[in-house]
């Protein structure tokens, strides 16, 4: 019997974190000790999703025992495992999943569970798979059948340690349409895994404001999730994807005001980028604005008696000024914890990383760990 199958029998209540989940105790369908494992998480990006190589060689080299151990040693309680549906999803037979590929996922999941690290399995993709949810009812039915099969496969794991997240950043424009889609997917996943907690989000890229437009579903064993990179022009400055002006942005500070953006303005001669920088200064983003934004979604969750998580946030380290990025991470993490909202930073070793690799070994970024409250 593996360690994770035995663990829930032997954990003493006093060993759990002392974090208090203020105002969210009404979410009785998700036990406190289970939800506590959704605090302090990290995303394992570019492994089973966002990669051009879905081979065993890639899976076994991108993340190794040294990485699994590092995640444990740094103090993370769970990982979010993005999974591309492409090698799994067959629209002709969506509920029947290829066993050979599932074996790769099982190996990854077990690597964490055996180290007493909880796992969120989440479907992470883009393009037609997501876009067709907007107006293709047959595709919705196929994705629901796919989730029924996937949930059934992972239902073999202890529901206190494994979580199921339906979709990453759905791009459905209509709140009403998304409510119907998420209800269909949730019902199917619930058939496959009756005891497991399912993680749902709002439409339009999982942002916090859209989550508050979602009518809570009639299933108490759910966690409601959002992503937070606000303001994007700060957290994504210099990024080569997304907005076409982001590569023109650098030296943007946090907090912002009209008097501290001179370096950012001087770093580009692009007029549109300069206007964006000036607007950012006028918006005066600081820790208090972030707290207010998080407090709003927390109040919505409390009103409906829901468990909340934020399982993507971070700063693009290549261009975000070091100390400003750490201040932003600290402000957001503190705001989330103030309201008992679980979290998982994006990401482990990518552009928003918590480690770099030297000679194949992960080296933690102590500044990021301190901002995440993971250093003594």
Protein backbone atom coordinates (compact mmCIF):
# COMPACT_ATOMS: atom_id res chain seq x y z
CA UNK A 1 0.00 0.00 0.00
CA UNK A 2 1.47 3.38 -1.00
CA UNK A 3 2.02 6.10 1.56
CA UNK A 4 -0.82 8.33 0.35
CA UNK A 5 -3.40 5.55 0.74
CA UNK A 6 -2.43 5.17 4.39
CA UNK A 7 -1.85 8.80 5.21
CA UNK A 8 -5.39 9.96 5.87
CA UNK A 9 -5.76 7.31 8.56
CA UNK A 10 -2.78 8.50 10.54
CA UNK A 11 -2.63 12.29 10.28
CA UNK A 12 -3.23 13.90 13.64
CA UNK A 13 -5.46 16.93 13.61
CA UNK A 14 -2.77 18.95 15.34
CA UNK A 15 -0.39 18.47 12.43
CA UNK A 16 -2.57 20.48 10.07
CA UNK A 17 -1.80 24.10 9.31
CA UNK A 18 -3.11 26.72 11.72
CA UNK A 19 -4.47 28.84 8.87
CA UNK A 20 -8.07 29.83 9.60
CA UNK A 21 -10.54 29.86 6.75
CA UNK A 22 -12.54 32.85 7.94
CA UNK A 23 -16.08 33.08 6.64
CA UNK A 24 -15.88 30.01 4.40
CA UNK A 25 -16.90 27.30 6.84
CA UNK A 26 -20.33 27.01 5.25
CA UNK A 27 -18.86 24.99 2.35
CA UNK A 28 -19.61 21.83 4.30
CA UNK A 29 -19.26 19.58 1.28
CA UNK A 30 -15.48 20.13 1.28
CA UNK A 31 -14.04 19.10 4.66
CA UNK A 32 -11.67 21.55 6.36
CA UNK A 33 -8.73 19.14 6.31
CA UNK A 34 -9.22 18.49 2.60
CA UNK A 35 -9.49 22.16 1.70
CA UNK A 36 -6.41 22.93 3.79
CA UNK A 37 -4.37 20.97 1.25
CA UNK A 38 -5.35 23.54 -1.38
CA UNK A 39 -3.30 26.21 0.37
CA UNK A 40 0.26 26.88 -0.77
CA UNK A 41 0.43 25.26 -4.17
CA UNK A 42 2.55 25.44 -7.32
CA UNK A 43 1.78 24.78 -10.99
CA UNK A 44 3.85 22.21 -12.89
CA UNK A 45 3.75 23.89 -16.29
CA UNK A 46 5.11 22.71 -19.67
CA UNK A 47 5.07 19.07 -18.59
CA UNK A 48 1.83 17.38 -19.65
CA UNK A 49 0.54 20.53 -21.38
CA UNK A 50 2.05 23.54 -23.20
CA UNK A 51 4.73 21.35 -24.76
CA UNK A 52 5.45 19.99 -28.20
CA UNK A 53 6.78 16.76 -26.75
CA UNK A 54 4.31 14.33 -25.21
CA UNK A 55 6.74 11.46 -24.88
CA UNK A 56 7.90 9.33 -21.99
CA UNK A 57 11.40 10.77 -22.34
CA UNK A 58 10.02 14.29 -21.88
CA UNK A 59 7.78 13.32 -18.97
CA UNK A 60 10.63 11.62 -17.06
CA UNK A 61 13.22 14.34 -17.70
CA UNK A 62 11.17 17.55 -17.32
CA UNK A 63 10.34 16.66 -13.72
CA UNK A 64 12.56 14.27 -11.76
CA UNK A 65 12.82 12.99 -8.20
CA UNK A 66 14.91 16.06 -7.40
CA UNK A 67 12.01 18.31 -8.47
CA UNK A 68 9.39 16.30 -6.59
CA UNK A 69 11.53 16.46 -3.46
CA UNK A 70 12.20 20.18 -3.92
CA UNK A 71 8.48 20.94 -4.07
CA UNK A 72 7.99 19.05 -0.83
CA UNK A 73 11.00 20.66 0.85
CA UNK A 74 9.95 24.19 -0.11
CA UNK A 75 6.70 23.70 1.78
CA UNK A 76 4.12 23.44 -0.99
CA UNK A 77 1.08 21.42 0.04
CA UNK A 78 -0.24 20.68 -3.44
CA UNK A 79 0.59 20.84 -7.10
CA UNK A 80 -1.68 21.78 -9.95
CA UNK A 81 -0.99 19.41 -12.84
CA UNK A 82 -2.00 20.92 -16.21
CA UNK A 83 -2.94 18.16 -18.67
CA UNK A 84 -3.50 18.61 -22.38
CA UNK A 85 -6.59 16.71 -23.55
CA UNK A 86 -5.14 16.17 -27.04
CA UNK A 87 -3.61 12.71 -26.47
CA UNK A 88 -6.66 11.60 -24.45
CA UNK A 89 -9.71 13.00 -26.22
CA UNK A 90 -11.40 11.11 -29.06
CA UNK A 91 -14.65 12.75 -30.15
CA UNK A 92 -15.83 9.43 -31.60
CA UNK A 93 -15.46 7.69 -28.22
CA UNK A 94 -14.74 10.42 -25.64
CA UNK A 95 -15.37 8.34 -22.52
CA UNK A 96 -12.86 5.65 -23.50
CA UNK A 97 -9.37 6.93 -22.64
CA UNK A 98 -6.06 5.44 -23.81
CA UNK A 99 -4.54 3.37 -21.02
CA UNK A 100 -0.95 3.86 -22.19
CA UNK A 101 -1.15 7.63 -21.82
CA UNK A 102 -3.06 7.40 -18.55
CA UNK A 103 -0.14 5.35 -17.22
CA UNK A 104 2.16 8.38 -17.68
CA UNK A 105 -0.27 10.55 -15.74
CA UNK A 106 -0.60 7.93 -13.02
CA UNK A 107 3.17 7.88 -12.59
CA UNK A 108 3.25 11.67 -12.16
CA UNK A 109 0.31 11.73 -9.75
CA UNK A 110 1.76 8.93 -7.64
CA UNK A 111 5.14 10.69 -7.46
CA UNK A 112 3.47 13.55 -5.59
CA UNK A 113 0.98 11.57 -3.55
CA UNK A 114 3.73 9.31 -2.24
CA UNK A 115 5.42 12.47 -0.93
CA UNK A 116 2.23 13.62 0.79
CA UNK A 117 1.65 16.38 -1.77
CA UNK A 118 -1.95 16.73 -2.95
CA UNK A 119 -2.65 16.95 -6.70
CA UNK A 120 -5.10 18.90 -8.83
CA UNK A 121 -5.57 17.27 -12.24
CA UNK A 122 -6.77 20.01 -14.58
CA UNK A 123 -7.51 20.14 -18.30
CA UNK A 124 -5.31 22.82 -19.84
CA UNK A 125 -5.66 23.67 -23.52
CA UNK A 126 -6.64 26.31 -26.05
CA UNK A 127 -7.96 26.55 -29.60
CA UNK A 128 -10.92 24.56 -30.89
CA UNK A 129 -11.32 22.40 -27.79
CA UNK A 130 -12.24 25.51 -25.81
CA UNK A 131 -13.73 27.63 -28.60
CA UNK A 132 -16.33 25.04 -29.59
CA UNK A 133 -17.84 25.17 -26.11
CA UNK A 134 -19.28 28.55 -27.10
CA UNK A 135 -21.90 27.22 -29.52
CA UNK A 136 -21.42 23.50 -30.18
CA UNK A 137 -23.72 21.46 -27.92
CA UNK A 138 -22.47 18.15 -29.31
CA UNK A 139 -18.92 19.11 -28.37
CA UNK A 140 -20.08 19.97 -24.85
CA UNK A 141 -21.66 16.52 -24.59
CA UNK A 142 -18.41 14.92 -25.79
CA UNK A 143 -16.30 16.87 -23.30
CA UNK A 144 -18.73 15.87 -20.55
CA UNK A 145 -18.35 12.21 -21.53
CA UNK A 146 -14.58 12.69 -21.58
CA UNK A 147 -14.71 14.06 -18.04
CA UNK A 148 -16.89 11.19 -16.90
CA UNK A 149 -14.22 8.76 -18.06
CA UNK A 150 -11.30 10.80 -16.71
CA UNK A 151 -12.96 11.26 -13.32
CA UNK A 152 -13.73 7.56 -13.15
CA UNK A 153 -10.06 6.77 -13.79
CA UNK A 154 -8.79 9.09 -11.06
CA UNK A 155 -11.51 8.14 -8.58
CA UNK A 156 -9.20 5.32 -7.46
CA UNK A 157 -7.19 7.93 -5.51
CA UNK A 158 -8.08 9.18 -2.06
CA UNK A 159 -10.51 12.13 -2.49
CA UNK A 160 -8.77 13.94 0.37
CA UNK A 161 -5.61 14.11 -1.76
CA UNK A 162 -6.66 14.32 -5.40
CA UNK A 163 -8.82 17.06 -6.93
CA UNK A 164 -10.39 17.43 -10.38
CA UNK A 165 -10.42 20.79 -12.20
CA UNK A 166 -12.70 20.91 -15.23
CA UNK A 167 -11.06 23.50 -17.49
CA UNK A 168 -8.38 26.13 -17.45
CA UNK A 169 -9.42 29.64 -18.52
CA UNK A 170 -12.55 28.96 -20.60
CA UNK A 171 -13.10 31.60 -23.25
CA UNK A 172 -16.89 31.44 -23.37
CA UNK A 173 -18.23 34.99 -23.62
CA UNK A 174 -21.73 34.48 -22.20
CA UNK A 175 -22.19 33.92 -18.47
CA UNK A 176 -25.46 32.08 -19.13
CA UNK A 177 -23.85 29.77 -21.67
CA UNK A 178 -20.94 29.04 -19.38
CA UNK A 179 -23.24 28.27 -16.48
CA UNK A 180 -24.94 25.60 -18.60
CA UNK A 181 -21.60 24.21 -19.84
CA UNK A 182 -20.03 24.02 -16.38
CA UNK A 183 -23.17 22.38 -15.00
CA UNK A 184 -23.00 19.68 -17.68
CA UNK A 185 -19.30 19.03 -17.14
CA UNK A 186 -19.66 18.98 -13.36
CA UNK A 187 -22.53 16.52 -13.47
CA UNK A 188 -20.54 14.17 -15.72
CA UNK A 189 -17.39 14.36 -13.58
CA UNK A 190 -19.51 13.76 -10.49
CA UNK A 191 -20.83 10.54 -12.05
CA UNK A 192 -17.27 9.36 -12.52
CA UNK A 193 -15.99 10.44 -9.11
CA UNK A 194 -18.83 10.70 -6.56
CA UNK A 195 -16.60 11.60 -3.59
CA UNK A 196 -13.95 13.84 -5.14
CA UNK A 197 -13.91 17.63 -4.93
CA UNK A 198 -14.38 19.29 -8.32
CA UNK A 199 -12.90 22.72 -9.06
CA UNK A 200 -14.91 25.12 -11.23
CA UNK A 201 -14.32 28.67 -12.45
CA UNK A 202 -16.07 31.55 -14.14
CA UNK A 203 -16.09 32.27 -17.86
CA UNK A 204 -13.80 34.63 -19.79
CA UNK A 205 -10.36 33.33 -18.80
CA UNK A 206 -11.14 32.41 -15.17
CA UNK A 207 -10.86 35.96 -13.92
CA UNK A 208 -12.15 36.97 -10.51
CA UNK A 209 -14.85 39.36 -11.71
CA UNK A 210 -16.41 36.73 -13.98
CA UNK A 211 -16.42 34.17 -11.19
CA UNK A 212 -18.84 36.42 -9.30
CA UNK A 213 -21.24 36.19 -12.26
CA UNK A 214 -21.46 32.41 -11.92
CA UNK A 215 -24.60 31.07 -10.27
CA UNK A 216 -23.36 28.57 -7.65
CA UNK A 217 -24.08 25.00 -8.65
CA UNK A 218 -26.23 22.55 -6.70
CA UNK A 219 -23.28 20.46 -5.57
CA UNK A 220 -21.71 21.13 -2.14
CA UNK A 221 -18.47 19.32 -2.96
CA UNK A 222 -17.06 22.07 -5.19
CA UNK A 223 -14.30 24.64 -4.95
CA UNK A 224 -14.69 27.90 -6.92
CA UNK A 225 -11.49 29.11 -8.50
CA UNK A 226 -10.16 32.27 -10.17
CA UNK A 227 -6.88 33.51 -11.62
CA UNK A 228 -5.26 36.82 -10.73
CA UNK A 229 -2.54 38.61 -12.69
CA UNK A 230 -3.97 42.10 -12.21
CA UNK A 231 -2.73 44.50 -13.42
CA UNK A 232 -1.61 42.43 -16.41
CA UNK A 233 0.52 45.21 -17.85
CA UNK A 234 2.68 44.99 -14.74
CA UNK A 235 2.79 41.21 -14.21
CA UNK A 236 3.29 40.47 -17.94
CA UNK A 237 5.60 43.32 -18.93
CA UNK A 238 8.05 42.06 -21.54
CA UNK A 239 6.03 38.91 -22.34
CA UNK A 240 6.14 37.83 -25.98
CA UNK A 241 2.61 36.36 -25.99
CA UNK A 242 -0.77 37.94 -25.28
CA UNK A 243 -1.01 41.70 -25.85
CA UNK A 244 1.17 42.86 -28.74
CA UNK A 245 2.48 45.82 -26.74
CA UNK A 246 3.77 43.81 -23.78
CA UNK A 247 7.28 43.40 -25.30
CA UNK A 248 7.56 47.20 -25.21
CA UNK A 249 6.99 47.35 -21.45
CA UNK A 250 9.75 47.22 -18.85
CA UNK A 251 10.84 48.95 -15.64
CA UNK A 252 7.20 49.31 -14.57
CA UNK A 253 7.07 49.65 -10.77
CA UNK A 254 4.78 48.37 -8.04
CA UNK A 255 3.24 50.29 -6.36
CA UNK A 256 2.53 52.74 -9.18
CA UNK A 257 1.87 56.44 -9.22
CA UNK A 258 2.31 59.23 -11.80
CA UNK A 259 5.71 60.18 -10.34
CA UNK A 260 7.52 56.81 -10.37
CA UNK A 261 7.10 55.71 -13.99
CA UNK A 262 9.91 57.75 -15.54
CA UNK A 263 12.22 54.76 -16.06
CA UNK A 264 9.45 52.80 -17.74
CA UNK A 265 8.64 55.70 -20.05
CA UNK A 266 12.30 56.17 -20.96
CA UNK A 267 12.69 52.47 -21.80
CA UNK A 268 10.45 52.64 -24.88
CA UNK A 269 9.78 55.06 -27.71
CA UNK A 270 6.51 53.34 -28.62
CA UNK A 271 3.75 55.91 -28.18
CA UNK A 272 1.03 53.39 -27.36
CA UNK A 273 3.22 51.72 -24.74
CA UNK A 274 4.00 55.10 -23.20
CA UNK A 275 0.29 55.90 -22.91
CA UNK A 276 -0.30 52.54 -21.24
CA UNK A 277 2.51 53.27 -18.77
CA UNK A 278 1.04 56.69 -17.97
CA UNK A 279 -2.37 55.12 -17.37
CA UNK A 280 -0.75 52.55 -15.10
CA UNK A 281 0.78 55.37 -13.06
CA UNK A 282 -2.57 57.15 -12.78
CA UNK A 283 -4.28 53.91 -11.66
CA UNK A 284 -2.04 53.87 -8.55
CA UNK A 285 -1.92 50.12 -8.11
CA UNK A 286 -0.76 49.12 -4.65
CA UNK A 287 -1.32 46.47 -1.99
CA UNK A 288 -4.54 48.14 -0.84
CA UNK A 289 -6.09 47.99 -4.31
CA UNK A 290 -5.24 44.30 -4.50
CA UNK A 291 -6.77 43.71 -1.06
CA UNK A 292 -9.97 45.46 -2.14
CA UNK A 293 -10.22 43.33 -5.28
CA UNK A 294 -9.69 40.08 -3.36
CA UNK A 295 -12.09 41.19 -0.62
CA UNK A 296 -14.84 41.55 -3.21
CA UNK A 297 -14.60 37.97 -4.46
CA UNK A 298 -14.19 36.74 -0.88
CA UNK A 299 -17.44 38.50 0.07
CA UNK A 300 -19.20 36.80 -2.84
CA UNK A 301 -17.90 33.44 -1.68
CA UNK A 302 -18.97 34.08 1.90
CA UNK A 303 -22.43 35.19 0.78
CA UNK A 304 -22.95 31.85 -0.96
CA UNK A 305 -21.03 29.69 1.52
CA UNK A 306 -18.36 28.64 -1.00
CA UNK A 307 -14.75 27.52 -0.82
CA UNK A 308 -12.46 29.69 -2.95
CA UNK A 309 -9.03 29.25 -4.48
CA UNK A 310 -6.77 31.30 -6.72
CA UNK A 311 -4.67 28.72 -8.52
CA UNK A 312 -2.86 30.93 -10.98
CA UNK A 313 -0.98 34.14 -10.24
CA UNK A 314 2.58 35.34 -10.68
CA UNK A 315 4.98 37.79 -12.32
CA UNK A 316 7.08 37.35 -15.46
CA UNK A 317 10.55 37.49 -13.96
CA UNK A 318 12.46 38.33 -17.14
CA UNK A 319 11.18 41.92 -17.23
CA UNK A 320 9.38 42.65 -13.97
CA UNK A 321 11.73 44.59 -11.69
CA UNK A 322 12.87 42.19 -8.99
CA UNK A 323 11.80 43.95 -5.80
CA UNK A 324 8.57 45.24 -7.34
CA UNK A 325 7.61 41.73 -8.40
CA UNK A 326 8.27 40.39 -4.91
CA UNK A 327 6.15 43.17 -3.41
CA UNK A 328 3.27 42.27 -5.74
CA UNK A 329 3.54 38.57 -4.86
CA UNK A 330 3.59 39.37 -1.16
CA UNK A 331 0.58 41.69 -1.41
CA UNK A 332 -1.51 39.17 -3.29
CA UNK A 333 -0.55 36.18 -1.16
CA UNK A 334 -1.31 38.09 2.03
CA UNK A 335 -4.69 39.22 0.66
CA UNK A 336 -5.62 35.66 -0.29
CA UNK A 337 -4.63 34.24 3.08
CA UNK A 338 -6.43 37.04 4.92
CA UNK A 339 -9.68 35.74 3.44
CA UNK A 340 -8.92 32.03 3.66
CA UNK A 341 -8.55 31.62 -0.10
CA UNK A 342 -6.33 28.73 -1.17
CA UNK A 343 -3.63 29.43 -3.74
CA UNK A 344 -1.20 28.00 -6.27
CA UNK A 345 1.42 30.19 -7.94
CA UNK A 346 2.26 29.97 -11.63
CA UNK A 347 4.72 28.34 -11.97
CA UNK A 348 7.44 25.90 -10.82
CA UNK A 349 10.17 26.31 -13.46
CA UNK A 350 8.84 28.49 -16.29
CA UNK A 351 8.90 32.23 -16.83
CA UNK A 352 7.08 32.88 -13.53
CA UNK A 353 9.24 30.31 -11.72
CA UNK A 354 10.08 29.54 -8.14
CA UNK A 355 13.22 27.55 -9.08
CA UNK A 356 15.99 27.65 -11.64
CA UNK A 357 17.99 24.59 -12.64
CA UNK A 358 21.76 24.44 -12.33
CA UNK A 359 23.49 21.27 -13.51
CA UNK A 360 20.10 19.61 -13.65
CA UNK A 361 19.28 20.39 -10.02
CA UNK A 362 16.51 22.77 -8.88
CA UNK A 363 17.71 25.85 -7.01
CA UNK A 364 14.91 27.66 -5.14
CA UNK A 365 14.50 31.42 -5.42
CA UNK A 366 14.51 32.46 -1.77
CA UNK A 367 13.04 35.86 -2.56
CA UNK A 368 9.98 34.26 -4.14
CA UNK A 369 9.69 31.78 -1.29
CA UNK A 370 9.77 34.60 1.22
CA UNK A 371 7.09 36.49 -0.71
CA UNK A 372 4.97 33.32 -0.59
CA UNK A 373 5.44 33.01 3.16
CA UNK A 374 7.40 29.79 2.83
CA UNK A 375 10.58 30.83 4.63
CA UNK A 376 10.79 30.74 8.42
